[in-house]
Amino acid sequence: MQKDVSKAISTFEERQKAEARAKVEAFARDLGYLLAELVGTDTKTKRVPAPVKYRHTENPALTRSGHGRKPQWFVKALAVGKSKDDLAARRRYAAGSFWI
């Protein structure tokens, strides 16, 4: 019986919160805003892709960040005898003409 009472209270509170949120969102919408704009927080955060560590020597569009499973081109290049340093992505200086 105690579990039923606790469950009833928690579902009631969740419904109350949902109703309050709907009212606040409707009010903000009437004023021409989104709730996230007024509160200052976004509901979703975007994931930033990992930087490129390795690049295919013949096709620079093929890249590897060093995370997760190794792509087939990377495995084949290592099997042929290339080292990870041979496949390392080079970065440009701000001037754009120098490679490191």
PDB file of N, CA and C in Angstrom:
ATOM      1  N   MET A   1       0.816  -1.185   0.000  1.00  0.00           N
ATOM      2  CA  MET A   1       0.000   0.000   0.000  1.00  0.00           C
ATOM      3  C   MET A   1       0.871   1.265   0.000  1.00  0.00           C
ATOM      4  N   GLN A   2       1.972   1.215   0.756  1.00  0.00           N
ATOM      5  CA  GLN A   2       2.888   2.353   0.810  1.00  0.00           C
ATOM      6  C   GLN A   2       3.455   2.652  -0.576  1.00  0.00           C
ATOM      7  N   LYS A   3       3.768   1.595  -1.353  1.00  0.00           N
ATOM      8  CA  LYS A   3       4.308   1.775  -2.703  1.00  0.00           C
ATOM      9  C   LYS A   3       3.280   2.456  -3.600  1.00  0.00           C
ATOM     10  N   ASP A   4       2.019   2.064  -3.457  1.00  0.00           N
ATOM     11  CA  ASP A   4       0.962   2.658  -4.270  1.00  0.00           C
ATOM     12  C   ASP A   4       0.799   4.139  -3.964  1.00  0.00           C
ATOM     13  N   VAL A   5       0.881   4.485  -2.696  1.00  0.00           N
ATOM     14  CA  VAL A   5       0.755   5.887  -2.298  1.00  0.00           C
ATOM     15  C   VAL A   5       1.933   6.694  -2.835  1.00  0.00           C
ATOM     16  N   SER A   6       3.124   6.153  -2.714  1.00  0.00           N
ATOM     17  CA  SER A   6       4.320   6.841  -3.215  1.00  0.00           C
ATOM     18  C   SER A   6       4.248   7.029  -4.724  1.00  0.00           C
ATOM     19  N   LYS A   7       3.800   6.002  -5.407  1.00  0.00           N
ATOM     20  CA  LYS A   7       3.684   6.076  -6.866  1.00  0.00           C
ATOM     21  C   LYS A   7       2.643   7.107  -7.274  1.00  0.00           C
ATOM     22  N   ALA A   8       1.523   7.145  -6.571  1.00  0.00           N
ATOM     23  CA  ALA A   8       0.462   8.101  -6.867  1.00  0.00           C
ATOM     24  C   ALA A   8       0.946   9.530  -6.645  1.00  0.00           C
ATOM     25  N   ILE A   9       1.714   9.733  -5.591  1.00  0.00           N
ATOM     26  CA  ILE A   9       2.243  11.073  -5.309  1.00  0.00           C
ATOM     27  C   ILE A   9       3.230  11.492  -6.391  1.00  0.00           C
ATOM     28  N   SER A  10       4.134  10.593  -6.779  1.00  0.00           N
ATOM     29  CA  SER A  10       5.133  10.954  -7.783  1.00  0.00           C
ATOM     30  C   SER A  10       4.488  11.208  -9.145  1.00  0.00           C
ATOM     31  N   THR A  11       3.484  10.406  -9.537  1.00  0.00           N
ATOM     32  CA  THR A  11       2.830  10.658 -10.821  1.00  0.00           C
ATOM     33  C   THR A  11       2.034  11.955 -10.780  1.00  0.00           C
ATOM     34  N   PHE A  12       1.443  12.276  -9.630  1.00  0.00           N
ATOM     35  CA  PHE A  12       0.730  13.538  -9.487  1.00  0.00           C
ATOM     36  C   PHE A  12       1.685  14.715  -9.650  1.00  0.00           C
ATOM     37  N   GLU A  13       2.850  14.634  -9.007  1.00  0.00           N
ATOM     38  CA  GLU A  13       3.844  15.701  -9.114  1.00  0.00           C
ATOM     39  C   GLU A  13       4.345  15.843 -10.549  1.00  0.00           C
ATOM     40  N   GLU A  14       4.561  14.725 -11.232  1.00  0.00           N
ATOM     41  CA  GLU A  14       5.005  14.781 -12.622  1.00  0.00           C
ATOM     42  C   GLU A  14       3.951  15.433 -13.510  1.00  0.00           C
ATOM     43  N   ARG A  15       2.684  15.104 -13.274  1.00  0.00           N
ATOM     44  CA  ARG A  15       1.609  15.727 -14.056  1.00  0.00           C
ATOM     45  C   ARG A  15       1.529  17.220 -13.776  1.00  0.00           C
ATOM     46  N   GLN A  16       1.696  17.609 -12.522  1.00  0.00           N
ATOM     47  CA  GLN A  16       1.664  19.021 -12.158  1.00  0.00           C
ATOM     48  C   GLN A  16       2.805  19.778 -12.840  1.00  0.00           C
ATOM     49  N   LYS A  17       4.002  19.179 -12.845  1.00  0.00           N
ATOM     50  CA  LYS A  17       5.149  19.809 -13.505  1.00  0.00           C
ATOM     51  C   LYS A  17       4.916  19.939 -14.998  1.00  0.00           C
ATOM     52  N   ALA A  18       4.357  18.892 -15.608  1.00  0.00           N
ATOM     53  CA  ALA A  18       4.086  18.923 -17.046  1.00  0.00           C
ATOM     54  C   ALA A  18       3.065  20.006 -17.386  1.00  0.00           C
ATOM     55  N   GLU A  19       2.029  20.138 -16.541  1.00  0.00           N
ATOM     56  CA  GLU A  19       1.032  21.189 -16.759  1.00  0.00           C
ATOM     57  C   GLU A  19       1.649  22.571 -16.607  1.00  0.00           C
ATOM     58  N   ALA A  20       2.466  22.761 -15.590  1.00  0.00           N
ATOM     59  CA  ALA A  20       3.106  24.054 -15.352  1.00  0.00           C
ATOM     60  C   ALA A  20       4.036  24.401 -16.518  1.00  0.00           C
ATOM     61  N   ARG A  21       4.781  23.411 -16.981  1.00  0.00           N
ATOM     62  CA  ARG A  21       5.690  23.653 -18.111  1.00  0.00           C
ATOM     63  C   ARG A  21       4.911  24.026 -19.362  1.00  0.00           C
ATOM     64  N   ALA A  22       3.806  23.343 -19.613  1.00  0.00           N
ATOM     65  CA  ALA A  22       2.985  23.647 -20.784  1.00  0.00           C
ATOM     66  C   ALA A  22       2.431  25.066 -20.696  1.00  0.00           C
ATOM     67  N   LYS A  23       1.993  25.479 -19.504  1.00  0.00           N
ATOM     68  CA  LYS A  23       1.473  26.835 -19.331  1.00  0.00           C
ATOM     69  C   LYS A  23       2.554  27.885 -19.569  1.00  0.00           C
ATOM     70  N   VAL A  24       3.730  27.639 -19.021  1.00  0.00           N
ATOM     71  CA  VAL A  24       4.835  28.593 -19.188  1.00  0.00           C
ATOM     72  C   VAL A  24       5.273  28.653 -20.653  1.00  0.00           C
ATOM     73  N   GLU A  25       5.351  27.498 -21.322  1.00  0.00           N
ATOM     74  CA  GLU A  25       5.713  27.486 -22.742  1.00  0.00           C
ATOM     75  C   GLU A  25       4.669  28.218 -23.580  1.00  0.00           C
ATOM     76  N   ALA A  26       3.394  28.037 -23.261  1.00  0.00           N
ATOM     77  CA  ALA A  26       2.332  28.731 -23.997  1.00  0.00           C
ATOM     78  C   ALA A  26       2.423  30.239 -23.774  1.00  0.00           C
ATOM     79  N   PHE A  27       2.687  30.635 -22.536  1.00  0.00           N
ATOM     80  CA  PHE A  27       2.827  32.059 -22.232  1.00  0.00           C
ATOM     81  C   PHE A  27       3.999  32.665 -22.991  1.00  0.00           C
ATOM     82  N   ALA A  28       5.130  31.976 -22.997  1.00  0.00           N
ATOM     83  CA  ALA A  28       6.305  32.457 -23.719  1.00  0.00           C
ATOM     84  C   ALA A  28       6.013  32.522 -25.221  1.00  0.00           C
ATOM     85  N   ARG A  29       5.312  31.526 -25.731  1.00  0.00           N
ATOM     86  CA  ARG A  29       4.973  31.492 -27.157  1.00  0.00           C
ATOM     87  C   ARG A  29       4.054  32.664 -27.510  1.00  0.00           C
ATOM     88  N   ASP A  30       3.117  33.006 -26.615  1.00  0.00           N
ATOM     89  CA  ASP A  30       2.228  34.152 -26.842  1.00  0.00           C
ATOM     90  C   ASP A  30       3.013  35.456 -26.924  1.00  0.00           C
ATOM     91  N   LEU A  31       4.111  35.521 -26.188  1.00  0.00           N
ATOM     92  CA  LEU A  31       4.949  36.716 -26.221  1.00  0.00           C
ATOM     93  C   LEU A  31       5.939  36.704 -27.383  1.00  0.00           C
ATOM     94  N   GLY A  32       6.005  35.569 -28.107  1.00  0.00           N
ATOM     95  CA  GLY A  32       6.882  35.491 -29.272  1.00  0.00           C
ATOM     96  C   GLY A  32       8.258  34.921 -28.976  1.00  0.00           C
ATOM     97  N   TYR A  33       8.389  34.199 -27.884  1.00  0.00           N
ATOM     98  CA  TYR A  33       9.673  33.614 -27.503  1.00  0.00           C
ATOM     99  C   TYR A  33       9.548  32.109 -27.348  1.00  0.00           C
ATOM    100  N   LEU A  34      10.699  31.470 -27.345  1.00  0.00           N
ATOM    101  CA  LEU A  34      10.776  30.072 -26.939  1.00  0.00           C
ATOM    102  C   LEU A  34      11.193  30.050 -25.477  1.00  0.00           C
ATOM    103  N   LEU A  35      10.755  29.046 -24.762  1.00  0.00           N
ATOM    104  CA  LEU A  35      11.107  28.944 -23.347  1.00  0.00           C
ATOM    105  C   LEU A  35      12.618  28.877 -23.163  1.00  0.00           C
ATOM    106  N   ALA A  36      13.304  28.173 -24.054  1.00  0.00           N
ATOM    107  CA  ALA A  36      14.761  28.049 -23.961  1.00  0.00           C
ATOM    108  C   ALA A  36      15.445  29.408 -24.111  1.00  0.00           C
ATOM    109  N   GLU A  37      14.856  30.306 -24.909  1.00  0.00           N
ATOM    110  CA  GLU A  37      15.437  31.645 -25.065  1.00  0.00           C
ATOM    111  C   GLU A  37      15.320  32.446 -23.768  1.00  0.00           C
ATOM    112  N   LEU A  38      14.213  32.294 -23.088  1.00  0.00           N
ATOM    113  CA  LEU A  38      13.998  33.048 -21.854  1.00  0.00           C
ATOM    114  C   LEU A  38      14.787  32.491 -20.684  1.00  0.00           C
ATOM    115  N   VAL A  39      14.894  31.193 -20.618  1.00  0.00           N
ATOM    116  CA  VAL A  39      15.608  30.551 -19.516  1.00  0.00           C
ATOM    117  C   VAL A  39      17.110  30.650 -19.729  1.00  0.00           C
ATOM    118  N   GLY A  40      17.537  30.624 -20.983  1.00  0.00           N
ATOM    119  CA  GLY A  40      18.957  30.750 -21.283  1.00  0.00           C
ATOM    120  C   GLY A  40      19.663  29.426 -21.433  1.00  0.00           C
ATOM    121  N   THR A  41      18.926  28.336 -21.463  1.00  0.00           N
ATOM    122  CA  THR A  41      19.546  27.035 -21.658  1.00  0.00           C
ATOM    123  C   THR A  41      18.903  26.361 -22.856  1.00  0.00           C
ATOM    124  N   ASP A  42      19.717  25.679 -23.599  1.00  0.00           N
ATOM    125  CA  ASP A  42      19.207  24.891 -24.713  1.00  0.00           C
ATOM    126  C   ASP A  42      18.844  23.510 -24.205  1.00  0.00           C
ATOM    127  N   THR A  43      17.881  22.896 -24.843  1.00  0.00           N
ATOM    128  CA  THR A  43      17.477  21.569 -24.421  1.00  0.00           C
ATOM    129  C   THR A  43      18.454  20.511 -24.898  1.00  0.00           C
ATOM    130  N   LYS A  44      19.130  20.778 -26.019  1.00  0.00           N
ATOM    131  CA  LYS A  44      20.102  19.823 -26.537  1.00  0.00           C
ATOM    132  C   LYS A  44      21.452  20.504 -26.706  1.00  0.00           C
ATOM    133  N   THR A  45      22.494  19.761 -26.419  1.00  0.00           N
ATOM    134  CA  THR A  45      23.831  20.259 -26.678  1.00  0.00           C
ATOM    135  C   THR A  45      24.398  19.494 -27.862  1.00  0.00           C
ATOM    136  N   LYS A  46      25.156  20.176 -28.671  1.00  0.00           N
ATOM    137  CA  LYS A  46      25.716  19.532 -29.843  1.00  0.00           C
ATOM    138  C   LYS A  46      27.084  18.957 -29.524  1.00  0.00           C
ATOM    139  N   ARG A  47      27.326  17.797 -30.072  1.00  0.00           N
ATOM    140  CA  ARG A  47      28.600  17.125 -29.877  1.00  0.00           C
ATOM    141  C   ARG A  47      29.605  17.680 -30.889  1.00  0.00           C
ATOM    142  N   VAL A  48      30.778  17.986 -30.425  1.00  0.00           N
ATOM    143  CA  VAL A  48      31.833  18.483 -31.286  1.00  0.00           C
ATOM    144  C   VAL A  48      32.619  17.281 -31.804  1.00  0.00           C
ATOM    145  N   PRO A  49      32.807  17.186 -33.128  1.00  0.00           N
ATOM    146  CA  PRO A  49      33.567  16.042 -33.638  1.00  0.00           C
ATOM    147  C   PRO A  49      35.022  16.086 -33.177  1.00  0.00           C
ATOM    148  N   ALA A  50      35.594  14.900 -33.010  1.00  0.00           N
ATOM    149  CA  ALA A  50      36.989  14.805 -32.584  1.00  0.00           C
ATOM    150  C   ALA A  50      37.904  15.299 -33.698  1.00  0.00           C
ATOM    151  N   PRO A  51      39.009  15.919 -33.350  1.00  0.00           N
ATOM    152  CA  PRO A  51      39.920  16.406 -34.387  1.00  0.00           C
ATOM    153  C   PRO A  51      40.561  15.245 -35.151  1.00  0.00           C
ATOM    154  N   VAL A  52      40.924  15.520 -36.385  1.00  0.00           N
ATOM    155  CA  VAL A  52      41.520  14.513 -37.259  1.00  0.00           C
ATOM    156  C   VAL A  52      42.970  14.281 -36.843  1.00  0.00           C
ATOM    157  N   LYS A  53      43.340  13.008 -36.632  1.00  0.00           N
ATOM    158  CA  LYS A  53      44.723  12.662 -36.308  1.00  0.00           C
ATOM    159  C   LYS A  53      45.435  12.012 -37.485  1.00  0.00           C
ATOM    160  N   TYR A  54      44.679  11.263 -38.304  1.00  0.00           N
ATOM    161  CA  TYR A  54      45.273  10.538 -39.425  1.00  0.00           C
ATOM    162  C   TYR A  54      44.489  10.820 -40.698  1.00  0.00           C
ATOM    163  N   ARG A  55      45.209  10.886 -41.830  1.00  0.00           N
ATOM    164  CA  ARG A  55      44.586  11.166 -43.114  1.00  0.00           C
ATOM    165  C   ARG A  55      45.171  10.223 -44.163  1.00  0.00           C
ATOM    166  N   HIS A  56      44.327   9.735 -45.055  1.00  0.00           N
ATOM    167  CA  HIS A  56      44.759   8.862 -46.143  1.00  0.00           C
ATOM    168  C   HIS A  56      45.705   9.641 -47.047  1.00  0.00           C
ATOM    169  N   THR A  57      46.794   9.019 -47.474  1.00  0.00           N
ATOM    170  CA  THR A  57      47.801   9.735 -48.260  1.00  0.00           C
ATOM    171  C   THR A  57      47.325  10.070 -49.668  1.00  0.00           C
ATOM    172  N   GLU A  58      46.487   9.241 -50.267  1.00  0.00           N
ATOM    173  CA  GLU A  58      46.039   9.488 -51.635  1.00  0.00           C
ATOM    174  C   GLU A  58      44.681  10.180 -51.693  1.00  0.00           C
ATOM    175  N   ASN A  59      43.826   9.920 -50.734  1.00  0.00           N
ATOM    176  CA  ASN A  59      42.500  10.529 -50.701  1.00  0.00           C
ATOM    177  C   ASN A  59      42.346  11.275 -49.379  1.00  0.00           C
ATOM    178  N   PRO A  60      42.612  12.583 -49.355  1.00  0.00           N
ATOM    179  CA  PRO A  60      42.581  13.332 -48.095  1.00  0.00           C
ATOM    180  C   PRO A  60      41.189  13.433 -47.465  1.00  0.00           C
ATOM    181  N   ALA A  61      40.148  13.042 -48.196  1.00  0.00           N
ATOM    182  CA  ALA A  61      38.809  13.070 -47.623  1.00  0.00           C
ATOM    183  C   ALA A  61      38.623  11.945 -46.597  1.00  0.00           C
ATOM    184  N   LEU A  62      39.449  10.891 -46.683  1.00  0.00           N
ATOM    185  CA  LEU A  62      39.382   9.786 -45.728  1.00  0.00           C
ATOM    186  C   LEU A  62      40.221  10.138 -44.513  1.00  0.00           C
ATOM    187  N   THR A  63      39.565  10.234 -43.365  1.00  0.00           N
ATOM    188  CA  THR A  63      40.261  10.640 -42.144  1.00  0.00           C
ATOM    189  C   THR A  63      39.939   9.690 -41.004  1.00  0.00           C
ATOM    190  N   ARG A  64      40.742   9.812 -39.952  1.00  0.00           N
ATOM    191  CA  ARG A  64      40.544   9.020 -38.731  1.00  0.00           C
ATOM    192  C   ARG A  64      40.891   9.904 -37.545  1.00  0.00           C
ATOM    193  N   SER A  65      40.059   9.862 -36.519  1.00  0.00           N
ATOM    194  CA  SER A  65      40.293  10.684 -35.332  1.00  0.00           C
ATOM    195  C   SER A  65      41.139   9.961 -34.291  1.00  0.00           C
ATOM    196  N   GLY A  66      41.291   8.633 -34.444  1.00  0.00           N
ATOM    197  CA  GLY A  66      42.028   7.865 -33.457  1.00  0.00           C
ATOM    198  C   GLY A  66      41.115   7.234 -32.426  1.00  0.00           C
ATOM    199  N   HIS A  67      39.807   7.517 -32.510  1.00  0.00           N
ATOM    200  CA  HIS A  67      38.831   6.942 -31.593  1.00  0.00           C
ATOM    201  C   HIS A  67      38.024   5.874 -32.325  1.00  0.00           C
ATOM    202  N   GLY A  68      37.613   4.869 -31.596  1.00  0.00           N
ATOM    203  CA  GLY A  68      36.736   3.863 -32.181  1.00  0.00           C
ATOM    204  C   GLY A  68      37.484   2.865 -33.049  1.00  0.00           C
ATOM    205  N   ARG A  69      36.711   2.196 -33.881  1.00  0.00           N
ATOM    206  CA  ARG A  69      37.241   1.153 -34.738  1.00  0.00           C
ATOM    207  C   ARG A  69      38.099   1.727 -35.859  1.00  0.00           C
ATOM    208  N   LYS A  70      39.164   1.035 -36.215  1.00  0.00           N
ATOM    209  CA  LYS A  70      40.061   1.504 -37.273  1.00  0.00           C
ATOM    210  C   LYS A  70      39.403   1.295 -38.636  1.00  0.00           C
ATOM    211  N   PRO A  71      39.430   2.319 -39.495  1.00  0.00           N
ATOM    212  CA  PRO A  71      38.871   2.146 -40.830  1.00  0.00           C
ATOM    213  C   PRO A  71      39.722   1.181 -41.665  1.00  0.00           C
ATOM    214  N   GLN A  72      39.110   0.617 -42.672  1.00  0.00           N
ATOM    215  CA  GLN A  72      39.791  -0.387 -43.487  1.00  0.00           C
ATOM    216  C   GLN A  72      41.028   0.183 -44.175  1.00  0.00           C
ATOM    217  N   TRP A  73      40.960   1.411 -44.665  1.00  0.00           N
ATOM    218  CA  TRP A  73      42.107   1.989 -45.350  1.00  0.00           C
ATOM    219  C   TRP A  73      43.288   2.132 -44.387  1.00  0.00           C
ATOM    220  N   PHE A  74      43.013   2.399 -43.120  1.00  0.00           N
ATOM    221  CA  PHE A  74      44.063   2.551 -42.114  1.00  0.00           C
ATOM    222  C   PHE A  74      44.726   1.203 -41.830  1.00  0.00           C
ATOM    223  N   VAL A  75      43.904   0.169 -41.684  1.00  0.00           N
ATOM    224  CA  VAL A  75      44.415  -1.177 -41.420  1.00  0.00           C
ATOM    225  C   VAL A  75      45.268  -1.657 -42.591  1.00  0.00           C
ATOM    226  N   LYS A  76      44.791  -1.426 -43.827  1.00  0.00           N
ATOM    227  CA  LYS A  76      45.543  -1.852 -45.015  1.00  0.00           C
ATOM    228  C   LYS A  76      46.871  -1.113 -45.128  1.00  0.00           C
ATOM    229  N   ALA A  77      46.871   0.184 -44.827  1.00  0.00           N
ATOM    230  CA  ALA A  77      48.104   0.962 -44.903  1.00  0.00           C
ATOM    231  C   ALA A  77      49.120   0.459 -43.890  1.00  0.00           C
ATOM    232  N   LEU A  78      48.678   0.109 -42.694  1.00  0.00           N
ATOM    233  CA  LEU A  78      49.595  -0.435 -41.692  1.00  0.00           C
ATOM    234  C   LEU A  78      50.107  -1.812 -42.113  1.00  0.00           C
ATOM    235  N   ALA A  79      49.256  -2.616 -42.763  1.00  0.00           N
ATOM    236  CA  ALA A  79      49.657  -3.946 -43.212  1.00  0.00           C
ATOM    237  C   ALA A  79      50.693  -3.862 -44.324  1.00  0.00           C
ATOM    238  N   VAL A  80      50.604  -2.822 -45.156  1.00  0.00           N
ATOM    239  CA  VAL A  80      51.556  -2.651 -46.253  1.00  0.00           C
ATOM    240  C   VAL A  80      52.927  -2.231 -45.727  1.00  0.00           C
ATOM    241  N   GLY A  81      52.969  -1.645 -44.548  1.00  0.00           N
ATOM    242  CA  GLY A  81      54.245  -1.265 -43.969  1.00  0.00           C
ATOM    243  C   GLY A  81      54.344   0.199 -43.588  1.00  0.00           C
ATOM    244  N   LYS A  82      53.291   0.969 -43.802  1.00  0.00           N
ATOM    245  CA  LYS A  82      53.324   2.376 -43.400  1.00  0.00           C
ATOM    246  C   LYS A  82      53.162   2.467 -41.886  1.00  0.00           C
ATOM    247  N   SER A  83      53.724   3.500 -41.325  1.00  0.00           N
ATOM    248  CA  SER A  83      53.594   3.700 -39.883  1.00  0.00           C
ATOM    249  C   SER A  83      52.491   4.717 -39.605  1.00  0.00           C
ATOM    250  N   LYS A  84      52.126   4.822 -38.357  1.00  0.00           N
ATOM    251  CA  LYS A  84      51.116   5.809 -37.980  1.00  0.00           C
ATOM    252  C   LYS A  84      51.612   7.227 -38.264  1.00  0.00           C
ATOM    253  N   ASP A  85      52.915   7.421 -38.108  1.00  0.00           N
ATOM    254  CA  ASP A  85      53.486   8.741 -38.386  1.00  0.00           C
ATOM    255  C   ASP A  85      53.366   9.093 -39.860  1.00  0.00           C
ATOM    256  N   ASP A  86      53.447   8.082 -40.746  1.00  0.00           N
ATOM    257  CA  ASP A  86      53.289   8.337 -42.177  1.00  0.00           C
ATOM    258  C   ASP A  86      51.869   8.813 -42.493  1.00  0.00           C
ATOM    259  N   LEU A  87      50.916   8.377 -41.718  1.00  0.00           N
ATOM    260  CA  LEU A  87      49.509   8.708 -41.962  1.00  0.00           C
ATOM    261  C   LEU A  87      49.017   9.887 -41.133  1.00  0.00           C
ATOM    262  N   ALA A  88      49.888  10.445 -40.298  1.00  0.00           N
ATOM    263  CA  ALA A  88      49.493  11.543 -39.422  1.00  0.00           C
ATOM    264  C   ALA A  88      49.032  12.738 -40.245  1.00  0.00           C
ATOM    265  N   ALA A  89      47.925  13.340 -39.813  1.00  0.00           N
ATOM    266  CA  ALA A  89      47.387  14.517 -40.504  1.00  0.00           C
ATOM    267  C   ALA A  89      48.280  15.699 -40.186  1.00  0.00           C
ATOM    268  N   ARG A  90      48.594  16.422 -41.198  1.00  0.00           N
ATOM    269  CA  ARG A  90      49.399  17.620 -41.016  1.00  0.00           C
ATOM    270  C   ARG A  90      48.465  18.812 -40.917  1.00  0.00           C
ATOM    271  N   ARG A  91      48.822  19.758 -40.046  1.00  0.00           N
ATOM    272  CA  ARG A  91      48.009  20.956 -39.872  1.00  0.00           C
ATOM    273  C   ARG A  91      48.691  22.135 -40.539  1.00  0.00           C
ATOM    274  N   ARG A  92      47.895  23.043 -41.049  1.00  0.00           N
ATOM    275  CA  ARG A  92      48.440  24.244 -41.681  1.00  0.00           C
ATOM    276  C   ARG A  92      48.631  25.344 -40.644  1.00  0.00           C
ATOM    277  N   TYR A  93      49.635  26.168 -40.865  1.00  0.00           N
ATOM    278  CA  TYR A  93      49.781  27.373 -40.056  1.00  0.00           C
ATOM    279  C   TYR A  93      48.702  28.354 -40.486  1.00  0.00           C
ATOM    280  N   ALA A  94      48.533  29.397 -39.736  1.00  0.00           N
ATOM    281  CA  ALA A  94      47.490  30.384 -40.043  1.00  0.00           C
ATOM    282  C   ALA A  94      47.699  31.022 -41.414  1.00  0.00           C
ATOM    283  N   ALA A  95      48.955  31.173 -41.839  1.00  0.00           N
ATOM    284  CA  ALA A  95      49.224  31.770 -43.137  1.00  0.00           C
ATOM    285  C   ALA A  95      48.728  30.876 -44.272  1.00  0.00           C
ATOM    286  N   GLY A  96      48.644  29.579 -44.025  1.00  0.00           N
ATOM    287  CA  GLY A  96      48.098  28.667 -45.022  1.00  0.00           C
ATOM    288  C   GLY A  96      49.121  28.054 -45.954  1.00  0.00           C
ATOM    289  N   SER A  97      50.351  28.500 -45.889  1.00  0.00           N
ATOM    290  CA  SER A  97      51.316  27.982 -46.837  1.00  0.00           C
ATOM    291  C   SER A  97      52.325  27.030 -46.220  1.00  0.00           C
ATOM    292  N   PHE A  98      52.354  26.909 -44.910  1.00  0.00           N
ATOM    293  CA  PHE A  98      53.321  26.050 -44.245  1.00  0.00           C
ATOM    294  C   PHE A  98      52.627  24.855 -43.631  1.00  0.00           C
ATOM    295  N   TRP A  99      53.277  23.698 -43.678  1.00  0.00           N
ATOM    296  CA  TRP A  99      52.742  22.471 -43.095  1.00  0.00           C
ATOM    297  C   TRP A  99      53.618  22.054 -41.925  1.00  0.00           C
ATOM    298  N   ILE A 100      53.014  21.479 -40.930  1.00  0.00           N
ATOM    299  CA  ILE A 100      53.795  20.908 -39.827  1.00  0.00           C
ATOM    300  C   ILE A 100      53.450  19.455 -39.671  1.00  0.00           C
TER     301      ILE A 100
END
